[in-house]
Amino acid sequence: MTVALAHSAPADVSRERIDRAVARGVEFLRQQHAEDGTWKDRWIVQKGGVTALCTLALLRSGVEPADEQLQKSL
C-alpha cells in the first residue's frame, strides 16, 4: 500500500520559525533529562529506547556530542 501526501508548508513558515521551534524542543528535552542521564520511559517495552531517541534528537538538532548532558546519555 502506498500513501502519498500532497502537503506544502504554509507561506509564513520561515527558517527562523523552524529554528525557534527546534530550540524550544531542545530546551524541553534538556528540562526532562534525569540526573542519571536518562529520560523516563513511560512504556517499558525496550529499556533505554526513549533515552536513545531523545539523544538522537538532540544530536540531530545540533547539540554537540561533547555537551555535558549528552555525555551522560551516551
Protein backbone atom coordinates (compact mmCIF):
# COMPACT_ATOMS: atom_id res chain seq x y z
CA MET A 1 0.00 0.00 0.00
CA THR A 2 1.37 3.41 -0.95
CA VAL A 3 0.35 6.57 0.82
CA ALA A 4 1.06 9.87 -0.87
CA LEU A 5 0.71 13.14 0.93
CA ALA A 6 0.37 16.31 -1.07
CA HIS A 7 1.16 18.90 1.54
CA SER A 8 3.12 22.07 1.22
CA ALA A 9 4.32 24.27 4.02
CA PRO A 10 2.36 27.45 4.69
CA ALA A 11 3.93 30.59 3.27
CA ASP A 12 4.53 32.00 6.76
CA VAL A 13 6.89 29.18 7.78
CA SER A 14 10.36 30.64 7.74
CA ARG A 15 13.77 29.24 8.63
CA GLU A 16 13.68 31.45 11.75
CA ARG A 17 10.38 29.90 12.92
CA ILE A 18 11.76 26.42 12.35
CA ASP A 19 14.95 27.26 14.25
CA ARG A 20 12.93 28.66 17.17
CA ALA A 21 10.76 25.52 17.26
CA VAL A 22 13.85 23.30 17.30
CA ALA A 23 15.40 25.41 20.07
CA ARG A 24 12.21 25.07 22.15
CA GLY A 25 12.27 21.31 21.61
CA VAL A 26 15.91 21.11 22.70
CA GLU A 27 15.13 23.13 25.83
CA PHE A 28 12.17 20.87 26.64
CA LEU A 29 14.31 17.74 26.32
CA ARG A 30 17.03 19.30 28.47
CA GLN A 31 14.47 20.05 31.20
CA GLN A 32 13.15 16.47 31.16
CA HIS A 33 16.64 14.93 31.33
CA ALA A 34 17.22 12.98 34.55
CA GLU A 35 20.37 13.34 36.63
CA ASP A 36 21.42 9.80 35.71
CA GLY A 37 21.49 10.68 32.00
CA THR A 38 18.21 9.10 31.00
CA TRP A 39 14.74 10.22 30.04
CA LYS A 40 11.89 8.41 31.76
CA ASP A 41 10.39 5.52 29.81
CA ARG A 42 6.63 5.65 30.21
CA TRP A 43 6.21 2.49 28.20
CA ILE A 44 8.83 -0.02 29.21
CA VAL A 45 8.88 -2.06 26.04
CA GLN A 46 12.54 -1.55 25.22
CA LYS A 47 14.52 -0.22 28.17
CA GLY A 48 16.58 2.77 27.08
CA GLY A 49 14.59 3.36 23.92
CA VAL A 50 13.28 6.78 24.94
CA THR A 51 16.75 7.86 26.04
CA ALA A 52 18.20 6.73 22.72
CA LEU A 53 15.57 8.67 20.75
CA CYS A 54 15.98 11.82 22.84
CA THR A 55 19.76 11.62 22.49
CA LEU A 56 19.45 11.22 18.73
CA ALA A 57 17.03 14.16 18.54
CA LEU A 58 19.46 16.39 20.41
CA LEU A 59 22.37 15.32 18.22
CA ARG A 60 20.34 15.92 15.05
CA SER A 61 19.31 19.32 16.41
CA GLY A 62 22.90 20.46 16.55
CA VAL A 63 23.78 19.78 20.17
CA GLU A 64 27.46 18.84 20.26
CA PRO A 65 28.38 15.32 21.44
CA ALA A 66 30.74 16.92 23.97
CA ASP A 67 27.76 18.59 25.71
CA GLU A 68 27.73 17.56 29.39
CA GLN A 69 24.10 16.40 29.39
CA LEU A 70 24.57 14.45 26.18
CA GLN A 71 27.68 12.77 27.53
CA LYS A 72 25.60 11.34 30.39
CA SER A 73 23.14 9.92 27.88
CA LEU A 74 25.80 8.48 25.63
